[in-house]
Amino acid sequence: MNIIIEPGRATYIADTGDWRLIIANGYFEIVPAATGELVYEIGINLDNLCSLITEAKVDAIARGIDWDGA
């Protein structure tokens, strides 16, 4: 996972290149980086997304980003 830190937000890019997450306080965006759409031919892309979300959550919380939107 690659991480780009900007003031108030973090962008997480999957090592597999197929997903990107943009996370900030009260904001969460899933960006399908590989195709630009949410249609894939195989389930591994969803496995990649699940892994990225799990890793990004841990990192975002550690950076003080409000994951719960409270």
Protein backbone atom coordinates (compact mmCIF):
# COMPACT_ATOMS: atom_id res chain seq x y z
CA MET A 1 0.00 0.00 0.00
CA ASN A 2 1.26 3.45 -0.92
CA ILE A 3 0.12 6.43 1.12
CA ILE A 4 -0.09 10.08 0.07
CA ILE A 5 -0.58 12.44 3.00
CA GLU A 6 -2.07 15.89 2.48
CA PRO A 7 -3.39 18.31 5.08
CA GLY A 8 -6.55 16.76 6.54
CA ARG A 9 -6.65 13.70 4.32
CA ALA A 10 -4.83 10.58 3.22
CA THR A 11 -4.92 8.73 -0.08
CA TYR A 12 -4.21 5.00 -0.02
CA ILE A 13 -3.22 3.22 -3.22
CA ALA A 14 -3.29 -0.57 -3.45
CA ASP A 15 -0.01 -2.20 -4.41
CA THR A 16 -2.04 -4.11 -6.99
CA GLY A 17 -2.93 -0.82 -8.71
CA ASP A 18 -6.66 -1.52 -8.94
CA TRP A 19 -7.99 0.59 -6.04
CA ARG A 20 -7.45 3.92 -4.33
CA LEU A 21 -9.10 5.22 -1.16
CA ILE A 22 -9.36 8.86 -0.17
CA ILE A 23 -10.07 9.28 3.54
CA ALA A 24 -10.58 12.40 5.63
CA ASN A 25 -12.68 13.29 8.65
CA GLY A 26 -16.26 12.53 7.64
CA TYR A 27 -15.27 11.54 4.09
CA PHE A 28 -14.48 8.21 2.45
CA GLU A 29 -14.14 7.67 -1.31
CA ILE A 30 -13.40 4.44 -3.14
CA VAL A 31 -11.80 4.99 -6.53
CA PRO A 32 -11.43 2.07 -8.95
CA ALA A 33 -8.00 3.04 -10.25
CA ALA A 34 -7.49 0.27 -12.78
CA THR A 35 -10.55 0.58 -14.99
CA GLY A 36 -12.35 3.74 -13.90
CA GLU A 37 -15.51 1.74 -13.23
CA LEU A 38 -16.80 -0.78 -10.72
CA VAL A 39 -17.06 -3.69 -13.13
CA TYR A 40 -14.40 -6.37 -12.90
CA GLU A 41 -14.17 -9.83 -14.40
CA ILE A 42 -12.72 -11.63 -11.39
CA GLY A 43 -13.25 -11.62 -7.63
CA ILE A 44 -9.60 -10.99 -6.77
CA ASN A 45 -10.23 -7.28 -7.31
CA LEU A 46 -12.72 -7.34 -4.43
CA ASP A 47 -10.19 -9.20 -2.29
CA ASN A 48 -7.71 -6.44 -3.10
CA LEU A 49 -10.27 -3.79 -2.09
CA CYS A 50 -11.00 -5.54 1.22
CA SER A 51 -7.30 -5.73 2.02
CA LEU A 52 -6.77 -2.07 1.17
CA ILE A 53 -9.70 -0.94 3.35
CA THR A 54 -8.45 -3.02 6.28
CA GLU A 55 -4.91 -1.64 6.04
CA ALA A 56 -6.07 1.94 5.42
CA LYS A 57 -8.41 1.88 8.43
CA VAL A 58 -5.56 1.01 10.81
CA ASP A 59 -3.31 3.70 9.33
CA ALA A 60 -6.01 6.40 9.18
CA ILE A 61 -6.99 5.87 12.82
CA ALA A 62 -3.32 5.98 13.84
CA ARG A 63 -3.02 9.33 12.03
CA GLY A 64 -6.00 10.72 13.96
CA ILE A 65 -8.47 10.64 11.07
CA ASP A 66 -12.00 10.19 12.40
CA TRP A 67 -12.97 6.82 10.90
CA ASP A 68 -16.38 6.67 12.62
CA GLY A 69 -17.54 10.10 11.44
CA ALA A 70 -18.40 11.21 14.94
